[in-house]
Amino acid sequence: MYLKKSIFLMVCIVVLFSSIRHAHAISMGSGEILRNREIGPQMLYIANANANIQISSRGRATVEAYVIGYSHIVTKTKVEADLQQLKNGRWTSIKTWSVSKNSYKTTLVESIQVSKGYSYRVVATVTAYSGRDSETQVITSGEVSY
């Protein structure tokens, strides 16, 4: 009988401390939660977005960037892609493209010849609109050397 009461008491203590920790996480301010990486921000209008660059063996760079908004909310989307070259330790813009559509998604695909001996990346600024409201996200691709 004593063993059953001891086990029951231990289970109650574990449940109590678990609920206290959970309550503490709920009561923390949003800044504290984000610092602890327990909860991250969620975009209101942008469901998905990405930027990418590929360079062929002949130096043809293909830039791709897209944004997909939530279809039941977003009425217009825009993608601006900035192709950058790493020169003398600094990223320098060499070409910028932009496209927008009255749609919940937009894709930009462009290509350009690039010079050998440098690294390149794409910085895309994507925007989703819902009426007069908008939301913007900046995405930087990985570096590609040629």
Protein backbone atom coordinates (compact mmCIF):
# COMPACT_ATOMS: atom_id res chain seq x y z
CA MET A 1 0.00 0.00 0.00
CA TYR A 2 2.84 2.36 0.91
CA LEU A 3 4.46 1.73 -2.54
CA LYS A 4 1.24 2.64 -4.39
CA LYS A 5 0.89 5.90 -2.44
CA SER A 6 4.56 6.78 -3.10
CA ILE A 7 4.23 6.17 -6.83
CA PHE A 8 0.98 8.15 -6.95
CA LEU A 9 2.63 11.05 -5.10
CA MET A 10 5.63 11.05 -7.47
CA VAL A 11 3.34 11.09 -10.53
CA CYS A 12 1.42 14.03 -9.06
CA ILE A 13 4.66 15.96 -8.48
CA VAL A 14 5.87 15.34 -12.04
CA VAL A 15 2.52 16.48 -13.48
CA LEU A 16 2.55 19.58 -11.26
CA PHE A 17 6.05 20.64 -12.31
CA SER A 18 5.28 19.97 -15.97
CA SER A 19 2.21 22.20 -15.86
CA ILE A 20 4.13 24.97 -14.05
CA ARG A 21 6.81 24.99 -16.80
CA HIS A 22 4.11 25.09 -19.49
CA ALA A 23 2.31 27.97 -17.73
CA HIS A 24 5.61 29.87 -17.45
CA ALA A 25 6.22 29.52 -21.21
CA ILE A 26 2.75 30.89 -21.94
CA SER A 27 3.20 33.85 -19.56
CA MET A 28 6.54 34.97 -21.06
CA GLY A 29 6.59 37.95 -23.39
CA SER A 30 6.93 37.29 -27.11
CA GLY A 31 10.54 38.55 -27.11
CA GLU A 32 11.51 35.97 -24.50
CA ILE A 33 9.85 33.16 -26.41
CA LEU A 34 11.65 34.13 -29.62
CA ARG A 35 15.02 34.29 -27.84
CA ASN A 36 14.42 30.76 -26.57
CA ARG A 37 13.43 29.70 -30.12
CA GLU A 38 10.28 28.04 -28.87
CA ILE A 39 7.99 29.95 -31.23
CA GLY A 40 8.89 31.76 -34.48
CA PRO A 41 7.10 34.47 -36.41
CA GLN A 42 4.60 33.50 -39.06
CA MET A 43 3.95 35.61 -42.13
CA LEU A 44 0.38 36.84 -42.52
CA TYR A 45 0.26 36.96 -46.33
CA ILE A 46 3.39 35.13 -47.58
CA ALA A 47 3.07 31.36 -47.49
CA ASN A 48 6.35 30.55 -49.27
CA ALA A 49 9.19 32.38 -51.00
CA ASN A 50 12.66 31.56 -52.26
CA ALA A 51 15.60 32.83 -54.33
CA ASN A 52 18.18 30.81 -56.21
CA ILE A 53 21.05 31.24 -58.65
CA GLN A 54 22.72 28.71 -60.92
CA ILE A 55 25.66 29.35 -63.22
CA SER A 56 26.39 27.11 -66.20
CA SER A 57 29.90 26.01 -67.17
CA ARG A 58 29.82 28.72 -69.85
CA GLY A 59 29.01 31.52 -67.39
CA ARG A 60 25.29 31.86 -67.97
CA ALA A 61 23.66 32.78 -64.66
CA THR A 62 20.01 31.86 -64.18
CA VAL A 63 18.21 33.75 -61.45
CA GLU A 64 14.98 32.41 -60.01
CA ALA A 65 12.85 33.96 -57.29
CA TYR A 66 9.24 33.44 -56.35
CA VAL A 67 6.59 34.31 -53.82
CA ILE A 68 3.41 32.40 -53.02
CA GLY A 69 0.79 34.12 -50.92
CA TYR A 70 -2.20 32.64 -49.16
CA SER A 71 -4.67 32.30 -52.03
CA HIS A 72 -7.77 33.28 -50.06
CA ILE A 73 -6.19 36.56 -48.84
CA VAL A 74 -3.56 37.77 -51.34
CA THR A 75 -4.64 39.71 -54.43
CA LYS A 76 -1.28 40.85 -55.82
CA THR A 77 2.36 39.76 -55.53
CA LYS A 78 5.69 41.26 -56.52
CA VAL A 79 9.22 39.88 -56.85
CA GLU A 80 12.34 42.00 -57.22
CA ALA A 81 15.62 40.13 -57.71
CA ASP A 82 19.01 41.79 -57.38
CA LEU A 83 21.97 39.85 -58.82
CA GLN A 84 25.09 40.70 -56.85
CA GLN A 85 28.79 40.07 -57.47
CA LEU A 86 31.42 39.79 -54.73
CA LYS A 87 34.16 42.17 -55.81
CA ASN A 88 36.99 43.43 -53.56
CA GLY A 89 35.23 42.02 -50.52
CA ARG A 90 31.94 43.84 -51.17
CA TRP A 91 28.66 42.73 -52.72
CA THR A 92 27.88 44.92 -55.72
CA SER A 93 24.60 44.93 -57.63
CA ILE A 94 25.10 44.12 -61.31
CA LYS A 95 21.50 43.64 -62.50
CA THR A 96 18.00 44.00 -61.01
CA TRP A 97 14.75 42.60 -62.35
CA SER A 98 11.19 43.07 -61.15
CA VAL A 99 7.84 41.48 -61.92
CA SER A 100 4.41 41.79 -60.34
CA LYS A 101 1.08 40.09 -60.97
CA ASN A 102 -2.50 40.45 -59.85
CA SER A 103 -2.28 36.95 -58.46
CA TYR A 104 -1.44 35.22 -55.21
CA LYS A 105 1.84 33.99 -56.72
CA THR A 106 4.61 35.37 -58.91
CA THR A 107 7.76 33.80 -60.31
CA LEU A 108 10.73 35.60 -61.81
CA VAL A 109 13.22 33.74 -64.01
CA GLU A 110 15.98 35.67 -65.80
CA SER A 111 19.43 34.89 -67.15
CA ILE A 112 22.55 36.90 -67.84
CA GLN A 113 26.17 36.26 -68.77
CA VAL A 114 28.56 36.72 -65.82
CA SER A 115 32.31 37.13 -65.53
CA LYS A 116 34.63 34.34 -64.40
CA GLY A 117 36.55 34.59 -61.13
CA TYR A 118 33.81 35.95 -58.88
CA SER A 119 31.11 34.77 -56.49
CA TYR A 120 27.48 35.66 -57.10
CA ARG A 121 24.24 35.70 -55.12
CA VAL A 122 20.67 36.90 -55.47
CA VAL A 123 18.88 39.11 -52.98
CA ALA A 124 15.15 38.92 -53.64
CA THR A 125 12.56 41.24 -52.13
CA VAL A 126 9.12 39.67 -52.31
CA THR A 127 5.86 41.36 -51.43
CA ALA A 128 2.32 40.06 -51.03
CA TYR A 129 -0.63 42.47 -51.00
CA SER A 130 -4.05 42.11 -49.46
CA GLY A 131 -6.03 45.19 -50.34
CA ARG A 132 -4.06 48.16 -49.03
CA ASP A 133 -2.01 46.04 -46.65
CA SER A 134 1.23 44.35 -47.66
CA GLU A 135 3.96 42.17 -46.30
CA THR A 136 7.57 42.04 -47.51
CA GLN A 137 10.31 39.50 -47.02
CA VAL A 138 13.96 39.71 -48.12
CA ILE A 139 15.60 36.43 -49.13
CA THR A 140 19.28 35.94 -49.91
CA SER A 141 20.34 32.94 -51.97
CA GLY A 142 23.48 30.97 -51.35
CA GLU A 143 26.73 32.04 -52.99
CA VAL A 144 27.81 30.50 -56.28
CA SER A 145 31.38 30.85 -57.54
CA TYR A 146 32.27 30.91 -61.22
